[in-house]
Amino acid sequence: MTRIGMGIALLLGLLVYGCGRSNYDLTQTTTVTSGEGPTFTLRLAGDDAGDFLSAKLRIESVQVTGGGAVLANAVETPEVDLADIGRAHLLATFQAPAGVEDVEFLVGFAGGTLTTSKGSFTVDARCQTLRLTGKVSRIAERQHAVIHLDVARSFVPGGAGLTLVPHFKLVY
């Protein structure tokens, strides 16, 4: 085996090892801090289903943090169909403590299944954790933040099925 071959094998080994631990920090048991202000929601919606008839993803973990505290650490909807355009699935409910300007959202995926008119495909989403930051003042305008995932662009062929490579935006 050449040096290049050994280097590639080592790099692939490190990538596979790191992939299995991508959502580790989200699954830890933590104490959720409840605020005294209004209740907000974090939601996930699909945009542009493309050729997909269904796009079912399993949500592994959801965490909302702000001001150094965990505001939510539970999955409200464990499976979502992102091909159902116009529907925003509830991921978490939280209250931001007074004085907190920004909150961080972490959403981990476990996998899923996508269906087109040509067949059904498994989705490898293990290495994907969405990390977003939202302004509390903007979230307060409508009492929610919605992650819009572009379904048509977020799944690419890989291995035996499709791999999630998320294209998303946070909308208030």
Protein backbone atom coordinates (compact mmCIF):
# COMPACT_ATOMS: atom_id res chain seq x y z
CA MET A 1 0.00 0.00 0.00
CA THR A 2 1.36 3.40 -0.90
CA ARG A 3 1.58 6.41 1.38
CA ILE A 4 -1.33 8.04 -0.43
CA GLY A 5 -3.44 4.91 -0.04
CA MET A 6 -2.61 4.70 3.67
CA GLY A 7 -3.40 8.40 4.10
CA ILE A 8 -6.77 8.02 2.40
CA ALA A 9 -7.60 4.94 4.50
CA LEU A 10 -6.67 6.82 7.69
CA LEU A 11 -8.74 9.85 6.68
CA LEU A 12 -11.79 7.71 5.86
CA GLY A 13 -11.41 5.89 9.19
CA LEU A 14 -11.37 9.19 11.10
CA LEU A 15 -14.41 10.47 9.19
CA VAL A 16 -16.41 7.32 9.93
CA TYR A 17 -15.37 7.43 13.60
CA GLY A 18 -16.38 11.09 13.92
CA CYS A 19 -19.67 10.54 12.13
CA GLY A 20 -21.02 8.19 14.76
CA ARG A 21 -20.50 10.77 17.49
CA SER A 22 -21.96 13.82 15.73
CA ASN A 23 -25.08 14.02 17.90
CA TYR A 24 -23.49 12.80 21.14
CA ASP A 25 -23.66 16.18 22.87
CA LEU A 26 -27.38 16.47 22.11
CA THR A 27 -28.41 13.20 23.72
CA GLN A 28 -26.95 13.95 27.13
CA THR A 29 -29.43 14.41 29.96
CA THR A 30 -29.58 18.06 30.92
CA THR A 31 -31.77 20.21 33.10
CA VAL A 32 -34.16 22.38 31.15
CA THR A 33 -34.54 25.93 32.43
CA SER A 34 -38.03 27.37 32.19
CA GLY A 35 -38.42 31.08 31.64
CA GLU A 36 -41.18 33.39 32.74
CA GLY A 37 -41.81 34.97 29.35
CA PRO A 38 -43.90 33.90 26.38
CA THR A 39 -43.69 30.39 24.95
CA PHE A 40 -42.00 30.01 21.56
CA THR A 41 -41.83 27.07 19.16
CA LEU A 42 -39.18 25.74 16.82
CA ARG A 43 -40.58 24.11 13.68
CA LEU A 44 -39.25 22.30 10.59
CA ALA A 45 -40.82 22.64 7.14
CA GLY A 46 -39.93 21.38 3.68
CA ASP A 47 -39.50 23.68 0.68
CA ASP A 48 -39.55 22.55 -2.98
CA ALA A 49 -40.23 18.81 -2.81
CA GLY A 50 -38.95 18.37 -6.38
CA ASP A 51 -39.65 14.80 -7.58
CA PHE A 52 -40.15 13.44 -4.07
CA LEU A 53 -43.63 12.15 -3.20
CA SER A 54 -42.63 11.71 0.44
CA ALA A 55 -39.56 12.75 2.40
CA LYS A 56 -39.77 11.18 5.86
CA LEU A 57 -36.95 11.99 8.27
CA ARG A 58 -36.52 10.75 11.83
CA ILE A 59 -35.50 13.45 14.30
CA GLU A 60 -32.92 12.11 16.76
CA SER A 61 -32.47 15.15 18.97
CA VAL A 62 -33.48 18.77 19.43
CA GLN A 63 -31.87 21.22 21.80
CA VAL A 64 -32.48 24.92 22.33
CA THR A 65 -29.99 26.92 24.42
CA GLY A 66 -29.75 30.56 25.38
CA GLY A 67 -28.02 32.62 28.04
CA GLY A 68 -25.91 29.62 29.06
CA ALA A 69 -28.99 27.52 29.87
CA VAL A 70 -30.76 24.66 28.12
CA LEU A 71 -34.26 25.86 27.23
CA ALA A 72 -35.50 22.68 25.51
CA ASN A 73 -34.00 19.23 25.18
CA ALA A 74 -36.73 16.95 23.86
CA VAL A 75 -38.07 15.89 20.47
CA GLU A 76 -41.74 16.87 20.10
CA THR A 77 -42.24 15.19 16.69
CA PRO A 78 -39.97 12.16 16.14
CA GLU A 79 -40.74 11.78 12.41
CA VAL A 80 -41.59 14.45 9.82
CA ASP A 81 -42.63 14.33 6.16
CA LEU A 82 -40.93 17.28 4.49
CA ALA A 83 -42.65 16.64 1.14
CA ASP A 84 -45.85 17.87 2.81
CA ILE A 85 -45.16 21.44 1.66
CA GLY A 86 -46.93 24.08 3.73
CA ARG A 87 -46.79 22.09 6.96
CA ALA A 88 -44.34 23.14 9.67
CA HIS A 89 -43.68 20.26 12.07
CA LEU A 90 -43.24 21.08 15.77
CA LEU A 91 -39.72 20.26 16.99
CA ALA A 92 -39.55 22.01 20.38
CA THR A 93 -41.31 24.42 22.70
CA PHE A 94 -39.27 26.80 24.86
CA GLN A 95 -39.26 30.01 26.89
CA ALA A 96 -36.36 32.43 26.67
CA PRO A 97 -35.27 34.00 29.97
CA ALA A 98 -35.46 37.79 30.25
CA GLY A 99 -32.39 39.52 28.84
CA VAL A 100 -31.44 36.72 26.42
CA GLU A 101 -31.00 38.12 22.91
CA ASP A 102 -29.97 34.98 20.98
CA VAL A 103 -30.88 31.31 21.18
CA GLU A 104 -29.07 28.42 19.53
CA PHE A 105 -30.94 25.55 17.89
CA LEU A 106 -29.38 22.13 17.37
CA VAL A 107 -31.35 19.51 15.43
CA GLY A 108 -29.93 16.01 14.89
CA PHE A 109 -31.29 13.55 12.35
CA ALA A 110 -31.35 9.74 12.56
CA GLY A 111 -32.18 8.87 8.94
CA GLY A 112 -35.30 8.38 6.89
CA THR A 113 -36.93 7.28 3.66
CA LEU A 114 -37.64 9.22 0.47
CA THR A 115 -40.07 8.11 -2.20
CA THR A 116 -40.30 9.14 -5.86
CA SER A 117 -42.38 7.71 -8.69
CA LYS A 118 -39.34 5.54 -9.53
CA GLY A 119 -38.84 3.98 -6.09
CA SER A 120 -38.02 4.35 -2.42
CA PHE A 121 -34.60 5.28 -1.02
CA THR A 122 -33.07 5.17 2.44
CA VAL A 123 -31.51 8.35 3.77
CA ASP A 124 -28.22 8.48 5.66
CA ALA A 125 -28.51 11.51 7.91
CA ARG A 126 -26.38 10.36 10.85
CA CYS A 127 -23.67 12.95 10.38
CA GLN A 128 -25.96 15.92 10.06
CA THR A 129 -26.70 18.27 12.92
CA LEU A 130 -28.18 21.63 12.05
CA ARG A 131 -26.79 24.50 14.15
CA LEU A 132 -28.60 27.78 13.89
CA THR A 133 -28.78 30.95 15.92
CA GLY A 134 -31.99 32.94 16.20
CA LYS A 135 -32.74 36.40 17.55
CA VAL A 136 -35.30 36.28 20.37
CA SER A 137 -36.73 39.64 19.28
CA ARG A 138 -37.45 38.23 15.79
CA ILE A 139 -38.88 34.97 17.17
CA ALA A 140 -41.18 36.99 19.45
CA GLU A 141 -42.83 38.67 16.44
CA ARG A 142 -44.73 35.49 15.53
CA GLN A 143 -43.92 33.29 18.55
CA HIS A 144 -41.98 30.79 16.41
CA ALA A 145 -38.92 30.11 14.29
CA VAL A 146 -39.18 27.77 11.31
CA ILE A 147 -36.28 25.92 9.70
CA HIS A 148 -37.04 25.63 5.97
CA LEU A 149 -35.21 22.68 4.39
CA ASP A 150 -34.95 22.64 0.58
CA VAL A 151 -35.95 19.02 -0.05
CA ALA A 152 -35.05 18.92 -3.75
CA ARG A 153 -31.45 20.10 -3.12
CA SER A 154 -30.74 18.47 0.26
CA PHE A 155 -30.48 14.81 -0.75
CA VAL A 156 -27.65 13.49 -2.92
CA PRO A 157 -26.88 9.94 -4.08
CA GLY A 158 -24.41 8.18 -1.85
CA GLY A 159 -23.74 4.58 -0.93
CA ALA A 160 -26.87 2.44 -1.10
CA GLY A 161 -29.32 5.34 -0.91
CA LEU A 162 -29.31 9.09 -0.43
CA THR A 163 -27.26 11.28 1.89
CA LEU A 164 -28.64 14.36 3.63
CA VAL A 165 -26.65 17.46 2.73
CA PRO A 166 -28.96 20.14 4.13
CA HIS A 167 -29.76 23.38 2.34
CA PHE A 168 -31.79 25.40 4.82
CA LYS A 169 -32.71 28.81 6.15
CA LEU A 170 -34.26 30.07 9.38
CA VAL A 171 -37.48 32.03 8.95
CA TYR A 172 -39.27 33.97 11.67
